[in-house]
Amino acid sequence: ADLARFEADLKDKLEGSDFENPGSRSLKKGRSQK
């Protein structure tokens, strides 16, 4: 049961998280303008 909950939590975190840092997105945006 603990393993099933761990897998479900891990799946939720992976699906709900954005792999790109907002700071890196703004940095890329500024870099693209340059």
PDB file of all heavy atoms in Angstrom:
ATOM      1  N   ALA A   1       0.833  -1.209   0.000  1.00  0.00           N
ATOM      2  CA  ALA A   1       0.000   0.000   0.000  1.00  0.00           C
ATOM      3  C   ALA A   1       0.869   1.260   0.000  1.00  0.00           C
ATOM      4  O   ALA A   1       0.588   2.223  -0.719  1.00  0.00           O
ATOM      5  CB  ALA A   1      -0.928  -0.002   1.226  1.00  0.00           C
ATOM      6  N   ASP A   2       1.938   1.250   0.793  1.00  0.00           N
ATOM      7  CA  ASP A   2       2.843   2.410   0.826  1.00  0.00           C
ATOM      8  C   ASP A   2       3.504   2.621  -0.533  1.00  0.00           C
ATOM      9  O   ASP A   2       3.664   3.760  -0.985  1.00  0.00           O
ATOM     10  CB  ASP A   2       3.914   2.217   1.901  1.00  0.00           C
ATOM     11  CG  ASP A   2       3.354   2.287   3.315  1.00  0.00           C
ATOM     12  OD1 ASP A   2       2.230   2.818   3.458  1.00  0.00           O
ATOM     13  OD2 ASP A   2       4.011   1.815   4.249  1.00  0.00           O
ATOM     14  N   LEU A   3       3.889   1.517  -1.185  1.00  0.00           N
ATOM     15  CA  LEU A   3       4.518   1.628  -2.495  1.00  0.00           C
ATOM     16  C   LEU A   3       3.534   2.181  -3.524  1.00  0.00           C
ATOM     17  O   LEU A   3       3.900   3.025  -4.354  1.00  0.00           O
ATOM     18  CB  LEU A   3       5.030   0.256  -2.950  1.00  0.00           C
ATOM     19  CG  LEU A   3       5.698   0.216  -4.324  1.00  0.00           C
ATOM     20  CD1 LEU A   3       6.924   1.111  -4.344  1.00  0.00           C
ATOM     21  CD2 LEU A   3       6.075  -1.209  -4.703  1.00  0.00           C
ATOM     22  N   ALA A   4       2.290   1.723  -3.466  1.00  0.00           N
ATOM     23  CA  ALA A   4       1.280   2.223  -4.404  1.00  0.00           C
ATOM     24  C   ALA A   4       1.042   3.718  -4.191  1.00  0.00           C
ATOM     25  O   ALA A   4       0.907   4.481  -5.157  1.00  0.00           O
ATOM     26  CB  ALA A   4      -0.029   1.442  -4.234  1.00  0.00           C
ATOM     27  N   ARG A   5       0.990   4.153  -2.929  1.00  0.00           N
ATOM     28  CA  ARG A   5       0.814   5.582  -2.652  1.00  0.00           C
ATOM     29  C   ARG A   5       2.024   6.390  -3.124  1.00  0.00           C
ATOM     30  O   ARG A   5       1.881   7.490  -3.666  1.00  0.00           O
ATOM     31  CB  ARG A   5       0.584   5.804  -1.153  1.00  0.00           C
ATOM     32  CG  ARG A   5      -0.826   5.488  -0.684  1.00  0.00           C
ATOM     33  CD  ARG A   5      -1.074   6.049   0.697  1.00  0.00           C
ATOM     34  NE  ARG A   5      -0.270   5.375   1.703  1.00  0.00           N
ATOM     35  CZ  ARG A   5      -0.655   4.292   2.358  1.00  0.00           C
ATOM     36  NH1 ARG A   5      -1.841   3.762   2.109  1.00  0.00           N
ATOM     37  NH2 ARG A   5       0.111   3.740   3.261  1.00  0.00           N
ATOM     38  N   PHE A   6       3.211   5.828  -2.920  1.00  0.00           N
ATOM     39  CA  PHE A   6       4.428   6.518  -3.358  1.00  0.00           C
ATOM     40  C   PHE A   6       4.422   6.697  -4.879  1.00  0.00           C
ATOM     41  O   PHE A   6       4.756   7.770  -5.395  1.00  0.00           O
ATOM     42  CB  PHE A   6       5.651   5.720  -2.929  1.00  0.00           C
ATOM     43  CG  PHE A   6       6.941   6.205  -3.543  1.00  0.00           C
ATOM     44  CD1 PHE A   6       7.554   7.360  -3.091  1.00  0.00           C
ATOM     45  CD2 PHE A   6       7.529   5.496  -4.576  1.00  0.00           C
ATOM     46  CE1 PHE A   6       8.734   7.806  -3.653  1.00  0.00           C
ATOM     47  CE2 PHE A   6       8.701   5.935  -5.153  1.00  0.00           C
ATOM     48  CZ  PHE A   6       9.312   7.092  -4.690  1.00  0.00           C
ATOM     49  N   GLU A   7       4.038   5.650  -5.596  1.00  0.00           N
ATOM     50  CA  GLU A   7       3.997   5.729  -7.056  1.00  0.00           C
ATOM     51  C   GLU A   7       2.947   6.736  -7.519  1.00  0.00           C
ATOM     52  O   GLU A   7       3.172   7.489  -8.473  1.00  0.00           O
ATOM     53  CB  GLU A   7       3.702   4.348  -7.644  1.00  0.00           C
ATOM     54  CG  GLU A   7       4.847   3.373  -7.472  1.00  0.00           C
ATOM     55  CD  GLU A   7       4.512   1.978  -7.958  1.00  0.00           C
ATOM     56  OE1 GLU A   7       3.342   1.753  -8.338  1.00  0.00           O
ATOM     57  OE2 GLU A   7       5.403   1.131  -7.968  1.00  0.00           O
ATOM     58  N   ALA A   8       1.795   6.750  -6.836  1.00  0.00           N
ATOM     59  CA  ALA A   8       0.746   7.707  -7.211  1.00  0.00           C
ATOM     60  C   ALA A   8       1.202   9.142  -6.960  1.00  0.00           C
ATOM     61  O   ALA A   8       0.984  10.033  -7.787  1.00  0.00           O
ATOM     62  CB  ALA A   8      -0.533   7.412  -6.423  1.00  0.00           C
ATOM     63  N   ASP A   9       1.859   9.369  -5.812  1.00  0.00           N
ATOM     64  CA  ASP A   9       2.353  10.717  -5.510  1.00  0.00           C
ATOM     65  C   ASP A   9       3.415  11.144  -6.513  1.00  0.00           C
ATOM     66  O   ASP A   9       3.434  12.296  -6.969  1.00  0.00           O
ATOM     67  CB  ASP A   9       2.933  10.766  -4.089  1.00  0.00           C
ATOM     68  CG  ASP A   9       1.858  10.612  -3.028  1.00  0.00           C
ATOM     69  OD1 ASP A   9       0.676  10.813  -3.362  1.00  0.00           O
ATOM     70  OD2 ASP A   9       2.199  10.281  -1.876  1.00  0.00           O
ATOM     71  N   LEU A  10       4.303  10.206  -6.855  1.00  0.00           N
ATOM     72  CA  LEU A  10       5.356  10.529  -7.811  1.00  0.00           C
ATOM     73  C   LEU A  10       4.768  10.856  -9.176  1.00  0.00           C
ATOM     74  O   LEU A  10       5.212  11.786  -9.859  1.00  0.00           O
ATOM     75  CB  LEU A  10       6.329   9.349  -7.914  1.00  0.00           C
ATOM     76  CG  LEU A  10       7.534   9.534  -8.842  1.00  0.00           C
ATOM     77  CD1 LEU A  10       8.372  10.727  -8.399  1.00  0.00           C
ATOM     78  CD2 LEU A  10       8.379   8.274  -8.886  1.00  0.00           C
ATOM     79  N   LYS A  11       3.748  10.097  -9.574  1.00  0.00           N
ATOM     80  CA  LYS A  11       3.101  10.346 -10.865  1.00  0.00           C
ATOM     81  C   LYS A  11       2.422  11.701 -10.881  1.00  0.00           C
ATOM     82  O   LYS A  11       2.508  12.449 -11.862  1.00  0.00           O
ATOM     83  CB  LYS A  11       2.087   9.240 -11.149  1.00  0.00           C
ATOM     84  CG  LYS A  11       1.478   9.318 -12.541  1.00  0.00           C
ATOM     85  CD  LYS A  11       0.572   8.121 -12.781  1.00  0.00           C
ATOM     86  CE  LYS A  11      -0.024   8.188 -14.185  1.00  0.00           C
ATOM     87  NZ  LYS A  11      -0.918   7.041 -14.443  1.00  0.00           N
ATOM     88  N   ASP A  12       1.748  12.043  -9.759  1.00  0.00           N
ATOM     89  CA  ASP A  12       1.088  13.350  -9.676  1.00  0.00           C
ATOM     90  C   ASP A  12       2.099  14.484  -9.752  1.00  0.00           C
ATOM     91  O   ASP A  12       1.868  15.504 -10.412  1.00  0.00           O
ATOM     92  CB  ASP A  12       0.296  13.458  -8.373  1.00  0.00           C
ATOM     93  CG  ASP A  12      -0.938  12.570  -8.372  1.00  0.00           C
ATOM     94  OD1 ASP A  12      -1.358  12.159  -9.474  1.00  0.00           O
ATOM     95  OD2 ASP A  12      -1.451  12.267  -7.290  1.00  0.00           O
ATOM     96  N   LYS A  13       3.246  14.319  -9.083  1.00  0.00           N
ATOM     97  CA  LYS A  13       4.260  15.369  -9.093  1.00  0.00           C
ATOM     98  C   LYS A  13       4.851  15.547 -10.481  1.00  0.00           C
ATOM     99  O   LYS A  13       5.097  16.663 -10.922  1.00  0.00           O
ATOM    100  CB  LYS A  13       5.360  15.033  -8.089  1.00  0.00           C
ATOM    101  CG  LYS A  13       4.931  15.183  -6.641  1.00  0.00           C
ATOM    102  CD  LYS A  13       6.048  14.819  -5.688  1.00  0.00           C
ATOM    103  CE  LYS A  13       5.599  14.965  -4.240  1.00  0.00           C
ATOM    104  NZ  LYS A  13       6.669  14.571  -3.296  1.00  0.00           N
ATOM    105  N   LEU A  14       5.070  14.415 -11.181  1.00  0.00           N
ATOM    106  CA  LEU A  14       5.641  14.507 -12.517  1.00  0.00           C
ATOM    107  C   LEU A  14       4.656  15.128 -13.506  1.00  0.00           C
ATOM    108  O   LEU A  14       5.043  15.899 -14.380  1.00  0.00           O
ATOM    109  CB  LEU A  14       6.060  13.121 -12.997  1.00  0.00           C
ATOM    110  CG  LEU A  14       7.272  12.508 -12.286  1.00  0.00           C
ATOM    111  CD1 LEU A  14       7.507  11.084 -12.765  1.00  0.00           C
ATOM    112  CD2 LEU A  14       8.510  13.352 -12.525  1.00  0.00           C
ATOM    113  N   GLU A  15       3.362  14.767 -13.363  1.00  0.00           N
ATOM    114  CA  GLU A  15       2.366  15.319 -14.280  1.00  0.00           C
ATOM    115  C   GLU A  15       2.056  16.782 -13.969  1.00  0.00           C
ATOM    116  O   GLU A  15       1.742  17.562 -14.862  1.00  0.00           O
ATOM    117  CB  GLU A  15       1.082  14.492 -14.196  1.00  0.00           C
ATOM    118  CG  GLU A  15       1.228  13.085 -14.774  1.00  0.00           C
ATOM    119  CD  GLU A  15      -0.038  12.280 -14.598  1.00  0.00           C
ATOM    120  OE1 GLU A  15      -0.939  12.733 -13.851  1.00  0.00           O
ATOM    121  OE2 GLU A  15      -0.131  11.192 -15.189  1.00  0.00           O
ATOM    122  N   GLY A  16       2.137  17.161 -12.684  1.00  0.00           N
ATOM    123  CA  GLY A  16       1.751  18.513 -12.310  1.00  0.00           C
ATOM    124  C   GLY A  16       2.884  19.514 -12.330  1.00  0.00           C
ATOM    125  O   GLY A  16       2.658  20.720 -12.236  1.00  0.00           O
ATOM    126  N   SER A  17       4.127  19.038 -12.445  1.00  0.00           N
ATOM    127  CA  SER A  17       5.259  19.962 -12.408  1.00  0.00           C
ATOM    128  C   SER A  17       5.652  20.382 -13.808  1.00  0.00           C
ATOM    129  O   SER A  17       5.459  19.655 -14.779  1.00  0.00           O
ATOM    130  CB  SER A  17       6.442  19.299 -11.707  1.00  0.00           C
ATOM    131  OG  SER A  17       6.865  18.176 -12.450  1.00  0.00           O
ATOM    132  N   ASP A  18       6.214  21.594 -13.917  1.00  0.00           N
ATOM    133  CA  ASP A  18       6.735  22.099 -15.181  1.00  0.00           C
ATOM    134  C   ASP A  18       8.236  21.965 -15.115  1.00  0.00           C
ATOM    135  O   ASP A  18       8.885  22.509 -14.229  1.00  0.00           O
ATOM    136  CB  ASP A  18       6.338  23.571 -15.342  1.00  0.00           C
ATOM    137  CG  ASP A  18       6.688  24.099 -16.732  1.00  0.00           C
ATOM    138  OD1 ASP A  18       7.332  23.338 -17.482  1.00  0.00           O
ATOM    139  OD2 ASP A  18       6.320  25.238 -17.049  1.00  0.00           O
ATOM    140  N   PHE A  19       8.809  21.213 -16.055  1.00  0.00           N
ATOM    141  CA  PHE A  19      10.237  20.927 -15.995  1.00  0.00           C
ATOM    142  C   PHE A  19      11.090  22.173 -16.218  1.00  0.00           C
ATOM    143  O   PHE A  19      12.264  22.181 -15.889  1.00  0.00           O
ATOM    144  CB  PHE A  19      10.611  19.867 -17.032  1.00  0.00           C
ATOM    145  CG  PHE A  19      10.111  18.505 -16.682  1.00  0.00           C
ATOM    146  CD1 PHE A  19       9.024  17.963 -17.351  1.00  0.00           C
ATOM    147  CD2 PHE A  19      10.701  17.779 -15.672  1.00  0.00           C
ATOM    148  CE1 PHE A  19       8.565  16.720 -17.022  1.00  0.00           C
ATOM    149  CE2 PHE A  19      10.245  16.525 -15.348  1.00  0.00           C
ATOM    150  CZ  PHE A  19       9.171  15.995 -16.018  1.00  0.00           C
ATOM    151  N   GLU A  20      10.512  23.227 -16.804  1.00  0.00           N
ATOM    152  CA  GLU A  20      11.286  24.437 -17.052  1.00  0.00           C
ATOM    153  C   GLU A  20      11.072  25.421 -15.916  1.00  0.00           C
ATOM    154  O   GLU A  20       9.947  25.689 -15.505  1.00  0.00           O
ATOM    155  CB  GLU A  20      10.868  25.091 -18.369  1.00  0.00           C
ATOM    156  CG  GLU A  20      11.272  24.291 -19.596  1.00  0.00           C
ATOM    157  CD  GLU A  20      10.921  25.044 -20.866  1.00  0.00           C
ATOM    158  OE1 GLU A  20      10.027  25.896 -20.806  1.00  0.00           O
ATOM    159  OE2 GLU A  20      11.551  24.775 -21.885  1.00  0.00           O
ATOM    160  N   ASN A  21      12.164  25.978 -15.406  1.00  0.00           N
ATOM    161  CA  ASN A  21      12.108  26.986 -14.357  1.00  0.00           C
ATOM    162  C   ASN A  21      11.588  28.292 -14.940  1.00  0.00           C
ATOM    163  O   ASN A  21      12.039  28.713 -15.993  1.00  0.00           O
ATOM    164  CB  ASN A  21      13.526  27.178 -13.809  1.00  0.00           C
ATOM    165  CG  ASN A  21      13.512  27.986 -12.521  1.00  0.00           C
ATOM    166  OD1 ASN A  21      12.606  28.784 -12.302  1.00  0.00           O
ATOM    167  ND2 ASN A  21      14.521  27.767 -11.702  1.00  0.00           N
ATOM    168  N   PRO A  22      10.626  28.970 -14.278  1.00  0.00           N
ATOM    169  CA  PRO A  22      10.136  30.250 -14.807  1.00  0.00           C
ATOM    170  C   PRO A  22      11.268  31.240 -15.032  1.00  0.00           C
ATOM    171  O   PRO A  22      11.262  32.003 -15.987  1.00  0.00           O
ATOM    172  CB  PRO A  22       9.169  30.738 -13.720  1.00  0.00           C
ATOM    173  CG  PRO A  22       8.727  29.491 -13.031  1.00  0.00           C
ATOM    174  CD  PRO A  22       9.898  28.561 -13.085  1.00  0.00           C
ATOM    175  N   GLY A  23      12.273  31.218 -14.156  1.00  0.00           N
ATOM    176  CA  GLY A  23      13.401  32.114 -14.330  1.00  0.00           C
ATOM    177  C   GLY A  23      14.166  31.829 -15.598  1.00  0.00           C
ATOM    178  O   GLY A  23      14.610  32.740 -16.311  1.00  0.00           O
ATOM    179  N   SER A  24      14.298  30.538 -15.914  1.00  0.00           N
ATOM    180  CA  SER A  24      15.026  30.185 -17.129  1.00  0.00           C
ATOM    181  C   SER A  24      14.236  30.571 -18.370  1.00  0.00           C
ATOM    182  O   SER A  24      14.805  30.906 -19.405  1.00  0.00           O
ATOM    183  CB  SER A  24      15.324  28.678 -17.130  1.00  0.00           C
ATOM    184  OG  SER A  24      14.134  27.936 -17.204  1.00  0.00           O
ATOM    185  N   ARG A  25      12.843  30.544 -18.251  1.00  0.00           N
ATOM    186  CA  ARG A  25      12.036  30.950 -19.395  1.00  0.00           C
ATOM    187  C   ARG A  25      12.228  32.435 -19.683  1.00  0.00           C
ATOM    188  O   ARG A  25      12.349  32.863 -20.827  1.00  0.00           O
ATOM    189  CB  ARG A  25      10.555  30.649 -19.126  1.00  0.00           C
ATOM    190  CG  ARG A  25      10.207  29.172 -19.233  1.00  0.00           C
ATOM    191  CD  ARG A  25       8.717  29.008 -19.505  1.00  0.00           C
ATOM    192  NE  ARG A  25       7.910  29.635 -18.455  1.00  0.00           N
ATOM    193  CZ  ARG A  25       7.492  28.989 -17.378  1.00  0.00           C
ATOM    194  NH1 ARG A  25       7.829  27.739 -17.197  1.00  0.00           N
ATOM    195  NH2 ARG A  25       6.745  29.605 -16.477  1.00  0.00           N
ATOM    196  N   SER A  26      12.233  33.264 -18.625  1.00  0.00           N
ATOM    197  CA  SER A  26      12.426  34.694 -18.847  1.00  0.00           C
ATOM    198  C   SER A  26      13.822  34.975 -19.367  1.00  0.00           C
ATOM    199  O   SER A  26      14.033  35.866 -20.186  1.00  0.00           O
ATOM    200  CB  SER A  26      12.186  35.452 -17.532  1.00  0.00           C
ATOM    201  OG  SER A  26      13.117  35.038 -16.546  1.00  0.00           O
ATOM    202  N   LEU A  27      14.806  34.171 -18.882  1.00  0.00           N
ATOM    203  CA  LEU A  27      16.168  34.344 -19.360  1.00  0.00           C
ATOM    204  C   LEU A  27      16.259  34.005 -20.836  1.00  0.00           C
ATOM    205  O   LEU A  27      16.904  34.710 -21.619  1.00  0.00           O
ATOM    206  CB  LEU A  27      17.109  33.460 -18.540  1.00  0.00           C
ATOM    207  CG  LEU A  27      18.604  33.539 -18.879  1.00  0.00           C
ATOM    208  CD1 LEU A  27      19.098  34.966 -18.655  1.00  0.00           C
ATOM    209  CD2 LEU A  27      19.391  32.570 -18.038  1.00  0.00           C
ATOM    210  N   LYS A  28      15.585  32.919 -21.234  1.00  0.00           N
ATOM    211  CA  LYS A  28      15.582  32.534 -22.647  1.00  0.00           C
ATOM    212  C   LYS A  28      14.878  33.583 -23.498  1.00  0.00           C
ATOM    213  O   LYS A  28      15.266  33.847 -24.625  1.00  0.00           O
ATOM    214  CB  LYS A  28      14.902  31.173 -22.823  1.00  0.00           C
ATOM    215  CG  LYS A  28      15.737  30.009 -22.304  1.00  0.00           C
ATOM    216  CD  LYS A  28      15.031  28.704 -22.541  1.00  0.00           C
ATOM    217  CE  LYS A  28      15.841  27.532 -22.008  1.00  0.00           C
ATOM    218  NZ  LYS A  28      15.134  26.266 -22.208  1.00  0.00           N
ATOM    219  N   LYS A  29      13.808  34.187 -22.904  1.00  0.00           N
ATOM    220  CA  LYS A  29      13.084  35.196 -23.657  1.00  0.00           C
ATOM    221  C   LYS A  29      13.976  36.404 -23.924  1.00  0.00           C
ATOM    222  O   LYS A  29      14.042  36.937 -25.040  1.00  0.00           O
ATOM    223  CB  LYS A  29      11.828  35.614 -22.883  1.00  0.00           C
ATOM    224  CG  LYS A  29      10.969  36.630 -23.622  1.00  0.00           C
ATOM    225  CD  LYS A  29       9.728  36.942 -22.811  1.00  0.00           C
ATOM    226  CE  LYS A  29       8.862  37.956 -23.530  1.00  0.00           C
ATOM    227  NZ  LYS A  29       7.651  38.297 -22.736  1.00  0.00           N
ATOM    228  N   GLY A  30      14.695  36.828 -22.862  1.00  0.00           N
ATOM    229  CA  GLY A  30      15.608  37.943 -23.040  1.00  0.00           C
ATOM    230  C   GLY A  30      16.732  37.607 -23.993  1.00  0.00           C
ATOM    231  O   GLY A  30      17.170  38.418 -24.803  1.00  0.00           O
ATOM    232  N   ARG A  31      17.186  36.355 -23.883  1.00  0.00           N
ATOM    233  CA  ARG A  31      18.269  35.922 -24.765  1.00  0.00           C
ATOM    234  C   ARG A  31      17.814  35.877 -26.215  1.00  0.00           C
ATOM    235  O   ARG A  31      18.548  36.204 -27.135  1.00  0.00           O
ATOM    236  CB  ARG A  31      18.754  34.546 -24.295  1.00  0.00           C
ATOM    237  CG  ARG A  31      20.011  34.064 -25.011  1.00  0.00           C
ATOM    238  CD  ARG A  31      20.440  32.719 -24.486  1.00  0.00           C
ATOM    239  NE  ARG A  31      20.867  32.813 -23.090  1.00  0.00           N
ATOM    240  CZ  ARG A  31      21.138  31.739 -22.344  1.00  0.00           C
ATOM    241  NH1 ARG A  31      20.978  30.534 -22.855  1.00  0.00           N
ATOM    242  NH2 ARG A  31      21.540  31.890 -21.107  1.00  0.00           N
ATOM    243  N   SER A  32      16.529  35.445 -26.428  1.00  0.00           N
ATOM    244  CA  SER A  32      16.035  35.365 -27.805  1.00  0.00           C
ATOM    245  C   SER A  32      15.904  36.744 -28.427  1.00  0.00           C
ATOM    246  O   SER A  32      16.107  36.919 -29.625  1.00  0.00           O
ATOM    247  CB  SER A  32      14.680  34.640 -27.823  1.00  0.00           C
ATOM    248  OG  SER A  32      13.728  35.387 -27.094  1.00  0.00           O
ATOM    249  N   GLN A  33      15.550  37.766 -27.593  1.00  0.00           N
ATOM    250  CA  GLN A  33      15.466  39.128 -28.130  1.00  0.00           C
ATOM    251  C   GLN A  33      16.840  39.625 -28.540  1.00  0.00           C
ATOM    252  O   GLN A  33      17.001  40.315 -29.544  1.00  0.00           O
ATOM    253  CB  GLN A  33      14.862  40.050 -27.078  1.00  0.00           C
ATOM    254  CG  GLN A  33      13.378  39.779 -26.817  1.00  0.00           C
ATOM    255  CD  GLN A  33      12.838  40.622 -25.695  1.00  0.00           C
ATOM    256  OE1 GLN A  33      13.595  41.315 -25.000  1.00  0.00           O
ATOM    257  NE2 GLN A  33      11.522  40.589 -25.518  1.00  0.00           N
ATOM    258  N   LYS A  34      17.884  39.259 -27.762  1.00  0.00           N
ATOM    259  CA  LYS A  34      19.240  39.631 -28.133  1.00  0.00           C
ATOM    260  C   LYS A  34      19.674  38.888 -29.383  1.00  0.00           C
ATOM    261  O   LYS A  34      20.402  39.415 -30.219  1.00  0.00           O
ATOM    262  CB  LYS A  34      20.208  39.320 -26.994  1.00  0.00           C
ATOM    263  CG  LYS A  34      20.019  40.215 -25.777  1.00  0.00           C
ATOM    264  CD  LYS A  34      21.024  39.866 -24.712  1.00  0.00           C
ATOM    265  CE  LYS A  34      20.831  40.747 -23.477  1.00  0.00           C
ATOM    266  NZ  LYS A  34      21.816  40.387 -22.412  1.00  0.00           N
TER     267      LYS A  34
END
